[in-house]
Amino acid sequence: MEEEKEIIFTNEQDSAEQQAKEQETPTTESKDASEENGNMSALEQIKASASEEDGKPAQTLSLRGLLGGDLLSTDFMRRQVWLILLAMVFIIIYVAFRYQCQQDMIKIDKLEKELKDMKYKALSTSSTLTEKSRESNILKILKTREDSLLRPSEQPPYIISIPEE
């Protein structure tokens, strides 16, 4: 608290001394400016040099200005920073979703190829089973095995009729 009082008191003294000097010696503007900077306190010098307003932007854009970041420090860019950040977030989300979609498409293609291979394998297995279970192949296998007791029937099948009650 005491430091703030001292700073305020010093600032008041500096401004009073500055006004007294300005009234005593009227000289050129350049000399006055240098005296003012010499007599100003650090806080007043910072306040004088720091301003929220931008100077007029240069009429021409130069490579030095672009690389130096002058374009980013303009008032327009400061006012639109949230819009720019929002656009960047949307762009990042768009790229992420596109990447995820591509990954899903690659996975779908891989699974479709695997499904096609499995269908062909199931079809070939089914045809092999059908071929082995044909009557002619079974009879051939029974004839080649001599230890088998199974023989083909020599009588044709007949129908057993059951009377209804």
N, C-alpha and C. Protein backbone atom coordinates (compact mmCIF):
# COMPACT_ATOMS: atom_id res chain seq x y z
N MET A 1 0.83 -1.19 0.00
CA MET A 1 0.00 0.00 0.00
C MET A 1 0.87 1.24 0.00
N GLU A 2 1.94 1.23 0.79
CA GLU A 2 2.82 2.39 0.86
C GLU A 2 3.55 2.58 -0.45
N GLU A 3 3.88 1.48 -1.14
CA GLU A 3 4.56 1.57 -2.43
C GLU A 3 3.67 2.25 -3.44
N GLU A 4 2.37 1.93 -3.44
CA GLU A 4 1.44 2.56 -4.37
C GLU A 4 1.36 4.06 -4.11
N LYS A 5 1.36 4.46 -2.86
CA LYS A 5 1.32 5.88 -2.54
C LYS A 5 2.57 6.57 -3.03
N GLU A 6 3.72 5.92 -2.85
CA GLU A 6 4.97 6.50 -3.31
C GLU A 6 4.99 6.64 -4.82
N ILE A 7 4.48 5.62 -5.54
CA ILE A 7 4.44 5.68 -6.99
C ILE A 7 3.52 6.79 -7.45
N ILE A 8 2.38 6.91 -6.84
CA ILE A 8 1.44 7.97 -7.20
C ILE A 8 2.05 9.33 -6.91
N PHE A 9 2.70 9.44 -5.76
CA PHE A 9 3.33 10.69 -5.39
C PHE A 9 4.45 11.03 -6.37
N THR A 10 5.25 10.03 -6.76
CA THR A 10 6.34 10.25 -7.71
C THR A 10 5.78 10.66 -9.06
N ASN A 11 4.72 10.01 -9.51
CA ASN A 11 4.11 10.34 -10.79
C ASN A 11 3.58 11.77 -10.77
N GLU A 12 2.98 12.16 -9.65
CA GLU A 12 2.45 13.53 -9.55
C GLU A 12 3.59 14.53 -9.57
N GLN A 13 4.69 14.22 -8.88
CA GLN A 13 5.84 15.12 -8.87
C GLN A 13 6.43 15.24 -10.26
N ASP A 14 6.57 14.07 -10.94
CA ASP A 14 7.15 14.09 -12.28
C ASP A 14 6.30 14.92 -13.22
N SER A 15 5.00 14.74 -13.17
CA SER A 15 4.13 15.50 -14.07
C SER A 15 4.16 16.99 -13.73
N ALA A 16 4.25 17.32 -12.44
CA ALA A 16 4.33 18.74 -12.05
C ALA A 16 5.64 19.34 -12.51
N GLU A 17 6.74 18.61 -12.36
CA GLU A 17 8.05 19.10 -12.81
C GLU A 17 8.06 19.26 -14.32
N GLN A 18 7.45 18.33 -15.01
CA GLN A 18 7.40 18.37 -16.47
C GLN A 18 6.63 19.61 -16.93
N GLN A 19 5.51 19.91 -16.29
CA GLN A 19 4.72 21.08 -16.67
C GLN A 19 5.48 22.36 -16.38
N ALA A 20 6.21 22.39 -15.29
CA ALA A 20 6.99 23.59 -14.95
C ALA A 20 8.08 23.82 -15.97
N LYS A 21 8.77 22.77 -16.40
CA LYS A 21 9.83 22.91 -17.39
C LYS A 21 9.29 23.35 -18.74
N GLU A 22 8.14 22.82 -19.11
CA GLU A 22 7.55 23.20 -20.39
C GLU A 22 7.19 24.68 -20.39
N GLN A 23 6.74 25.20 -19.29
CA GLN A 23 6.37 26.61 -19.22
C GLN A 23 7.60 27.50 -19.20
N GLU A 24 8.70 27.06 -18.61
CA GLU A 24 9.90 27.89 -18.47
C GLU A 24 10.63 28.06 -19.79
N THR A 25 10.87 26.99 -20.52
CA THR A 25 11.70 27.10 -21.72
C THR A 25 10.96 26.60 -22.94
N PRO A 26 10.48 27.48 -23.78
CA PRO A 26 9.90 27.04 -25.04
C PRO A 26 11.03 26.81 -26.05
N THR A 27 11.20 25.57 -26.48
CA THR A 27 12.24 25.22 -27.45
C THR A 27 11.63 24.41 -28.57
N THR A 28 12.47 23.82 -29.39
CA THR A 28 11.98 23.04 -30.52
C THR A 28 11.31 21.77 -30.02
N GLU A 29 10.51 21.18 -30.89
CA GLU A 29 9.74 20.00 -30.50
C GLU A 29 10.63 18.80 -30.23
N SER A 30 11.69 18.66 -30.98
CA SER A 30 12.56 17.50 -30.78
C SER A 30 13.25 17.57 -29.43
N LYS A 31 13.64 18.77 -29.03
CA LYS A 31 14.28 18.92 -27.73
C LYS A 31 13.28 18.65 -26.61
N ASP A 32 12.05 19.14 -26.77
CA ASP A 32 11.01 18.90 -25.78
C ASP A 32 10.71 17.41 -25.64
N ALA A 33 10.65 16.70 -26.77
CA ALA A 33 10.34 15.27 -26.74
C ALA A 33 11.42 14.52 -26.00
N SER A 34 12.68 14.90 -26.23
CA SER A 34 13.76 14.19 -25.54
C SER A 34 13.74 14.51 -24.05
N GLU A 35 13.43 15.77 -23.69
CA GLU A 35 13.34 16.13 -22.28
C GLU A 35 12.17 15.42 -21.61
N GLU A 36 11.04 15.32 -22.34
CA GLU A 36 9.86 14.65 -21.77
C GLU A 36 10.18 13.19 -21.47
N ASN A 37 10.84 12.53 -22.39
CA ASN A 37 11.19 11.12 -22.18
C ASN A 37 12.16 10.96 -21.03
N GLY A 38 13.06 11.95 -20.88
CA GLY A 38 14.02 11.88 -19.78
C GLY A 38 13.37 12.12 -18.44
N ASN A 39 12.36 12.97 -18.38
CA ASN A 39 11.71 13.32 -17.13
C ASN A 39 10.54 12.41 -16.78
N MET A 40 10.06 11.63 -17.72
CA MET A 40 8.91 10.76 -17.47
C MET A 40 9.35 9.57 -16.62
N SER A 41 8.44 9.14 -15.80
CA SER A 41 8.73 7.92 -15.04
C SER A 41 8.58 6.73 -15.97
N ALA A 42 9.06 5.60 -15.52
CA ALA A 42 9.02 4.39 -16.34
C ALA A 42 7.57 4.02 -16.67
N LEU A 43 6.70 4.18 -15.71
CA LEU A 43 5.29 3.83 -15.92
C LEU A 43 4.67 4.72 -16.98
N GLU A 44 4.98 6.02 -16.94
CA GLU A 44 4.43 6.93 -17.94
C GLU A 44 5.00 6.64 -19.32
N GLN A 45 6.27 6.28 -19.38
CA GLN A 45 6.87 5.95 -20.67
C GLN A 45 6.23 4.71 -21.27
N ILE A 46 5.95 3.71 -20.42
CA ILE A 46 5.30 2.49 -20.92
C ILE A 46 3.89 2.81 -21.40
N LYS A 47 3.17 3.62 -20.62
CA LYS A 47 1.81 3.99 -21.03
C LYS A 47 1.82 4.77 -22.33
N ALA A 48 2.80 5.63 -22.51
CA ALA A 48 2.87 6.43 -23.73
C ALA A 48 3.21 5.57 -24.94
N SER A 49 4.09 4.59 -24.75
CA SER A 49 4.51 3.78 -25.88
C SER A 49 3.51 2.67 -26.21
N ALA A 50 2.77 2.21 -25.22
CA ALA A 50 1.82 1.12 -25.44
C ALA A 50 0.45 1.70 -25.73
N SER A 51 -0.04 1.39 -26.88
CA SER A 51 -1.39 1.85 -27.20
C SER A 51 -2.15 0.70 -27.84
N GLU A 52 -3.43 0.73 -27.70
CA GLU A 52 -4.28 -0.33 -28.23
C GLU A 52 -4.58 -0.11 -29.72
N GLU A 53 -4.38 1.07 -30.19
CA GLU A 53 -4.73 1.38 -31.56
C GLU A 53 -3.57 1.06 -32.49
N ASP A 54 -3.92 0.51 -33.63
CA ASP A 54 -2.91 0.22 -34.64
C ASP A 54 -2.67 1.47 -35.46
N GLY A 55 -1.46 1.53 -35.92
CA GLY A 55 -1.17 2.58 -36.89
C GLY A 55 -1.80 2.19 -38.21
N LYS A 56 -1.80 3.08 -39.15
CA LYS A 56 -2.35 2.75 -40.46
C LYS A 56 -1.50 1.64 -41.08
N PRO A 57 -2.15 0.61 -41.61
CA PRO A 57 -1.37 -0.46 -42.23
C PRO A 57 -0.70 0.05 -43.49
N ALA A 58 0.42 -0.54 -43.80
CA ALA A 58 1.15 -0.14 -44.99
C ALA A 58 0.30 -0.42 -46.21
N GLN A 59 0.42 0.45 -47.20
CA GLN A 59 -0.38 0.29 -48.41
C GLN A 59 0.06 -0.91 -49.22
N THR A 60 1.32 -1.26 -49.14
CA THR A 60 1.81 -2.40 -49.91
C THR A 60 2.21 -3.50 -48.96
N LEU A 61 1.96 -4.70 -49.37
CA LEU A 61 2.39 -5.86 -48.60
C LEU A 61 3.75 -6.27 -49.12
N SER A 62 4.67 -6.40 -48.23
CA SER A 62 6.01 -6.82 -48.62
C SER A 62 6.30 -8.18 -48.00
N LEU A 63 7.28 -8.84 -48.55
CA LEU A 63 7.68 -10.14 -48.01
C LEU A 63 8.18 -9.98 -46.59
N ARG A 64 8.87 -8.91 -46.34
CA ARG A 64 9.38 -8.66 -45.00
C ARG A 64 8.23 -8.47 -44.00
N GLY A 65 7.19 -7.77 -44.43
CA GLY A 65 6.03 -7.57 -43.57
C GLY A 65 5.28 -8.86 -43.30
N LEU A 66 5.15 -9.70 -44.33
CA LEU A 66 4.47 -10.99 -44.14
C LEU A 66 5.26 -11.91 -43.22
N LEU A 67 6.57 -12.00 -43.47
CA LEU A 67 7.40 -12.88 -42.65
C LEU A 67 7.58 -12.33 -41.24
N GLY A 68 7.53 -11.01 -41.10
CA GLY A 68 7.68 -10.40 -39.79
C GLY A 68 6.44 -10.50 -38.94
N GLY A 69 5.32 -10.84 -39.53
CA GLY A 69 4.09 -11.02 -38.77
C GLY A 69 3.27 -9.75 -38.64
N ASP A 70 3.54 -8.77 -39.48
CA ASP A 70 2.78 -7.52 -39.40
C ASP A 70 1.31 -7.74 -39.70
N LEU A 71 1.03 -8.67 -40.57
CA LEU A 71 -0.36 -8.95 -40.94
C LEU A 71 -1.15 -9.48 -39.75
N LEU A 72 -0.49 -10.27 -38.90
CA LEU A 72 -1.18 -10.87 -37.76
C LEU A 72 -1.45 -9.87 -36.64
N SER A 73 -0.74 -8.76 -36.64
CA SER A 73 -0.92 -7.80 -35.55
C SER A 73 -1.92 -6.70 -35.89
N THR A 74 -2.56 -6.79 -37.01
CA THR A 74 -3.54 -5.77 -37.36
C THR A 74 -4.80 -5.91 -36.51
N ASP A 75 -5.54 -4.83 -36.44
CA ASP A 75 -6.76 -4.80 -35.62
C ASP A 75 -7.78 -5.81 -36.14
N PHE A 76 -7.89 -5.95 -37.45
CA PHE A 76 -8.84 -6.90 -38.04
C PHE A 76 -8.53 -8.32 -37.57
N MET A 77 -7.27 -8.69 -37.59
CA MET A 77 -6.90 -10.06 -37.19
C MET A 77 -7.16 -10.27 -35.70
N ARG A 78 -6.93 -9.25 -34.89
CA ARG A 78 -7.20 -9.39 -33.46
C ARG A 78 -8.69 -9.54 -33.19
N ARG A 79 -9.51 -8.86 -33.96
CA ARG A 79 -10.96 -8.97 -33.75
C ARG A 79 -11.48 -10.31 -34.23
N GLN A 80 -10.84 -10.89 -35.21
CA GLN A 80 -11.34 -12.14 -35.81
C GLN A 80 -10.61 -13.38 -35.31
N VAL A 81 -9.84 -13.28 -34.25
CA VAL A 81 -9.04 -14.41 -33.78
C VAL A 81 -9.92 -15.59 -33.38
N TRP A 82 -11.06 -15.36 -32.76
CA TRP A 82 -11.94 -16.48 -32.36
C TRP A 82 -12.56 -17.15 -33.57
N LEU A 83 -12.88 -16.37 -34.58
CA LEU A 83 -13.42 -16.97 -35.80
C LEU A 83 -12.35 -17.82 -36.49
N ILE A 84 -11.14 -17.33 -36.50
CA ILE A 84 -10.04 -18.08 -37.11
C ILE A 84 -9.80 -19.37 -36.33
N LEU A 85 -9.80 -19.29 -35.01
CA LEU A 85 -9.62 -20.49 -34.19
C LEU A 85 -10.75 -21.49 -34.41
N LEU A 86 -11.98 -21.01 -34.52
CA LEU A 86 -13.11 -21.89 -34.77
C LEU A 86 -12.96 -22.59 -36.13
N ALA A 87 -12.54 -21.83 -37.12
CA ALA A 87 -12.32 -22.42 -38.45
C ALA A 87 -11.22 -23.48 -38.39
N MET A 88 -10.17 -23.21 -37.64
CA MET A 88 -9.09 -24.19 -37.52
C MET A 88 -9.56 -25.46 -36.82
N VAL A 89 -10.40 -25.32 -35.81
CA VAL A 89 -10.94 -26.49 -35.12
C VAL A 89 -11.79 -27.32 -36.09
N PHE A 90 -12.63 -26.63 -36.88
CA PHE A 90 -13.45 -27.35 -37.86
C PHE A 90 -12.59 -28.05 -38.90
N ILE A 91 -11.53 -27.43 -39.33
CA ILE A 91 -10.64 -28.04 -40.31
C ILE A 91 -9.97 -29.28 -39.72
N ILE A 92 -9.53 -29.19 -38.47
CA ILE A 92 -8.90 -30.34 -37.82
C ILE A 92 -9.91 -31.48 -37.67
N ILE A 93 -11.13 -31.15 -37.28
CA ILE A 93 -12.17 -32.18 -37.16
C ILE A 93 -12.46 -32.81 -38.52
N TYR A 94 -12.53 -31.99 -39.56
CA TYR A 94 -12.79 -32.49 -40.91
C TYR A 94 -11.70 -33.46 -41.34
N VAL A 95 -10.45 -33.10 -41.13
CA VAL A 95 -9.34 -33.95 -41.52
C VAL A 95 -9.36 -35.25 -40.72
N ALA A 96 -9.66 -35.15 -39.42
CA ALA A 96 -9.69 -36.35 -38.58
C ALA A 96 -10.80 -37.30 -39.03
N PHE A 97 -11.98 -36.75 -39.33
CA PHE A 97 -13.08 -37.61 -39.79
C PHE A 97 -12.77 -38.22 -41.15
N ARG A 98 -12.13 -37.46 -42.02
CA ARG A 98 -11.77 -38.00 -43.33
C ARG A 98 -10.77 -39.14 -43.16
N TYR A 99 -9.78 -38.95 -42.30
CA TYR A 99 -8.80 -40.00 -42.05
C TYR A 99 -9.49 -41.24 -41.48
N GLN A 100 -10.39 -41.04 -40.52
CA GLN A 100 -11.10 -42.17 -39.93
C GLN A 100 -11.95 -42.89 -40.98
N CYS A 101 -12.58 -42.13 -41.86
CA CYS A 101 -13.39 -42.73 -42.92
C CYS A 101 -12.52 -43.56 -43.87
N GLN A 102 -11.34 -43.05 -44.20
CA GLN A 102 -10.44 -43.81 -45.06
C GLN A 102 -10.00 -45.10 -44.38
N GLN A 103 -9.72 -45.03 -43.09
CA GLN A 103 -9.33 -46.23 -42.36
C GLN A 103 -10.47 -47.25 -42.34
N ASP A 104 -11.70 -46.76 -42.15
CA ASP A 104 -12.86 -47.66 -42.17
C ASP A 104 -13.05 -48.29 -43.55
N MET A 105 -12.85 -47.52 -44.60
CA MET A 105 -12.99 -48.05 -45.97
C MET A 105 -11.94 -49.13 -46.24
N ILE A 106 -10.72 -48.92 -45.77
CA ILE A 106 -9.67 -49.93 -45.94
C ILE A 106 -10.05 -51.20 -45.19
N LYS A 107 -10.58 -51.04 -43.98
CA LYS A 107 -11.00 -52.20 -43.19
C LYS A 107 -12.16 -52.93 -43.86
N ILE A 108 -13.12 -52.18 -44.41
CA ILE A 108 -14.26 -52.79 -45.10
C ILE A 108 -13.79 -53.57 -46.32
N ASP A 109 -12.88 -52.99 -47.09
CA ASP A 109 -12.36 -53.70 -48.27
C ASP A 109 -11.65 -54.99 -47.86
N LYS A 110 -10.87 -54.91 -46.78
CA LYS A 110 -10.16 -56.10 -46.30
C LYS A 110 -11.16 -57.18 -45.86
N LEU A 111 -12.20 -56.79 -45.14
CA LEU A 111 -13.20 -57.76 -44.68
C LEU A 111 -14.01 -58.34 -45.84
N GLU A 112 -14.30 -57.52 -46.85
CA GLU A 112 -15.03 -58.03 -48.02
C GLU A 112 -14.19 -59.06 -48.78
N LYS A 113 -12.89 -58.79 -48.88
CA LYS A 113 -12.00 -59.74 -49.54
C LYS A 113 -11.93 -61.04 -48.74
N GLU A 114 -11.84 -60.92 -47.42
CA GLU A 114 -11.82 -62.10 -46.56
C GLU A 114 -13.12 -62.89 -46.67
N LEU A 115 -14.26 -62.18 -46.72
CA LEU A 115 -15.56 -62.84 -46.88
C LEU A 115 -15.63 -63.58 -48.21
N LYS A 116 -15.15 -62.97 -49.26
CA LYS A 116 -15.15 -63.60 -50.58
C LYS A 116 -14.30 -64.88 -50.56
N ASP A 117 -13.12 -64.81 -49.92
CA ASP A 117 -12.27 -66.00 -49.81
C ASP A 117 -12.97 -67.10 -49.02
N MET A 118 -13.65 -66.74 -47.94
CA MET A 118 -14.36 -67.73 -47.13
C MET A 118 -15.51 -68.37 -47.91
N LYS A 119 -16.20 -67.57 -48.72
CA LYS A 119 -17.30 -68.13 -49.53
C LYS A 119 -16.75 -69.15 -50.53
N TYR A 120 -15.62 -68.82 -51.18
CA TYR A 120 -15.02 -69.76 -52.12
C TYR A 120 -14.56 -71.03 -51.42
N LYS A 121 -14.01 -70.87 -50.22
CA LYS A 121 -13.56 -72.03 -49.46
C LYS A 121 -14.75 -72.89 -49.06
N ALA A 122 -15.84 -72.26 -48.61
CA ALA A 122 -17.05 -73.02 -48.24
C ALA A 122 -17.64 -73.72 -49.45
N LEU A 123 -17.63 -73.07 -50.59
CA LEU A 123 -18.17 -73.68 -51.82
C LEU A 123 -17.33 -74.89 -52.25
N SER A 124 -16.01 -74.73 -52.17
CA SER A 124 -15.16 -75.86 -52.56
C SER A 124 -15.28 -77.02 -51.57
N THR A 125 -15.41 -76.71 -50.28
CA THR A 125 -15.61 -77.76 -49.28
C THR A 125 -16.94 -78.48 -49.50
N SER A 126 -17.97 -77.71 -49.80
CA SER A 126 -19.30 -78.29 -50.05
C SER A 126 -19.27 -79.19 -51.29
N SER A 127 -18.61 -78.75 -52.34
CA SER A 127 -18.55 -79.59 -53.55
C SER A 127 -17.74 -80.85 -53.32
N THR A 128 -16.68 -80.76 -52.52
CA THR A 128 -15.89 -81.95 -52.19
C THR A 128 -16.72 -82.93 -51.39
N LEU A 129 -17.49 -82.44 -50.43
CA LEU A 129 -18.34 -83.30 -49.62
C LEU A 129 -19.43 -83.95 -50.47
N THR A 130 -20.02 -83.20 -51.37
CA THR A 130 -21.05 -83.75 -52.27
C THR A 130 -20.46 -84.84 -53.16
N GLU A 131 -19.28 -84.62 -53.65
CA GLU A 131 -18.64 -85.61 -54.51
C GLU A 131 -18.33 -86.90 -53.75
N LYS A 132 -17.86 -86.76 -52.52
CA LYS A 132 -17.52 -87.95 -51.73
C LYS A 132 -18.76 -88.69 -51.24
N SER A 133 -19.88 -88.03 -51.12
CA SER A 133 -21.07 -88.69 -50.61
C SER A 133 -21.97 -89.25 -51.72
N ARG A 134 -21.56 -89.19 -52.95
CA ARG A 134 -22.36 -89.79 -54.03
C ARG A 134 -22.34 -91.31 -53.90
N GLU A 135 -23.42 -91.90 -54.36
CA GLU A 135 -23.57 -93.36 -54.24
C GLU A 135 -22.49 -94.10 -55.02
N SER A 136 -22.17 -93.62 -56.16
CA SER A 136 -21.16 -94.30 -56.98
C SER A 136 -19.79 -94.28 -56.29
N ASN A 137 -19.43 -93.19 -55.67
CA ASN A 137 -18.15 -93.12 -54.97
C ASN A 137 -18.16 -94.00 -53.73
N ILE A 138 -19.27 -94.05 -53.04
CA ILE A 138 -19.37 -94.90 -51.84
C ILE A 138 -19.25 -96.37 -52.25
N LEU A 139 -19.90 -96.78 -53.35
CA LEU A 139 -19.80 -98.17 -53.82
C LEU A 139 -18.38 -98.50 -54.24
N LYS A 140 -17.72 -97.57 -54.86
CA LYS A 140 -16.33 -97.79 -55.26
C LYS A 140 -15.43 -98.00 -54.05
N ILE A 141 -15.65 -97.21 -53.02
CA ILE A 141 -14.85 -97.34 -51.79
C ILE A 141 -15.14 -98.67 -51.12
N LEU A 142 -16.43 -99.11 -51.11
CA LEU A 142 -16.78 -100.39 -50.49
C LEU A 142 -16.16 -101.57 -51.24
N LYS A 143 -16.08 -101.50 -52.55
CA LYS A 143 -15.50 -102.59 -53.34
C LYS A 143 -13.99 -102.67 -53.13
N THR A 144 -13.36 -101.53 -52.95
CA THR A 144 -11.91 -101.55 -52.78
C THR A 144 -11.49 -102.08 -51.40
N ARG A 145 -12.36 -101.93 -50.43
CA ARG A 145 -12.05 -102.43 -49.10
C ARG A 145 -12.60 -103.84 -48.98
N GLU A 146 -11.77 -104.72 -48.70
CA GLU A 146 -12.20 -106.10 -48.64
C GLU A 146 -12.69 -106.48 -47.24
N ASP A 147 -12.30 -105.76 -46.25
CA ASP A 147 -12.72 -106.09 -44.90
C ASP A 147 -14.11 -105.56 -44.56
N SER A 148 -14.73 -104.81 -45.47
CA SER A 148 -16.04 -104.24 -45.20
C SER A 148 -17.13 -105.29 -45.37
N LEU A 149 -18.11 -105.29 -44.50
CA LEU A 149 -19.22 -106.21 -44.56
C LEU A 149 -20.40 -105.63 -45.32
N LEU A 150 -20.32 -104.40 -45.65
CA LEU A 150 -21.40 -103.74 -46.37
C LEU A 150 -21.33 -104.09 -47.85
N ARG A 151 -22.49 -104.42 -48.38
CA ARG A 151 -22.61 -104.73 -49.81
C ARG A 151 -23.84 -104.01 -50.35
N PRO A 152 -23.80 -103.66 -51.61
CA PRO A 152 -25.01 -103.04 -52.18
C PRO A 152 -26.14 -104.07 -52.27
N SER A 153 -27.31 -103.57 -52.14
CA SER A 153 -28.48 -104.44 -52.18
C SER A 153 -28.74 -104.90 -53.62
N GLU A 154 -29.11 -106.16 -53.74
CA GLU A 154 -29.39 -106.68 -55.06
C GLU A 154 -30.87 -106.62 -55.38
N GLN A 155 -31.70 -106.45 -54.39
CA GLN A 155 -33.14 -106.31 -54.59
C GLN A 155 -33.49 -104.82 -54.62
N PRO A 156 -34.41 -104.48 -55.46
CA PRO A 156 -34.82 -103.07 -55.47
C PRO A 156 -35.63 -102.74 -54.23
N PRO A 157 -35.68 -101.54 -53.84
CA PRO A 157 -36.46 -101.16 -52.66
C PRO A 157 -37.95 -101.34 -52.94
N TYR A 158 -38.69 -101.65 -51.94
CA TYR A 158 -40.12 -101.79 -52.12
C TYR A 158 -40.84 -100.98 -51.06
N ILE A 159 -42.12 -100.69 -51.30
CA ILE A 159 -42.92 -99.85 -50.43
C ILE A 159 -43.72 -100.72 -49.50
N ILE A 160 -43.68 -100.40 -48.25
CA ILE A 160 -44.46 -101.10 -47.24
C ILE A 160 -45.71 -100.28 -47.03
N SER A 161 -46.80 -100.89 -47.25
CA SER A 161 -48.06 -100.16 -47.03
C SER A 161 -48.65 -100.51 -45.68
N ILE A 162 -49.10 -99.54 -44.98
CA ILE A 162 -49.68 -99.72 -43.67
C ILE A 162 -51.14 -99.28 -43.79
N PRO A 163 -52.08 -100.20 -43.43
CA PRO A 163 -53.47 -99.82 -43.53
C PRO A 163 -53.85 -98.80 -42.46
N GLU A 164 -54.67 -97.90 -42.82
CA GLU A 164 -55.12 -96.88 -41.88
C GLU A 164 -56.25 -97.43 -41.05
N GLU A 165 -56.34 -97.13 -39.85
CA GLU A 165 -57.36 -97.64 -38.98
C GLU A 165 -58.52 -96.74 -38.82
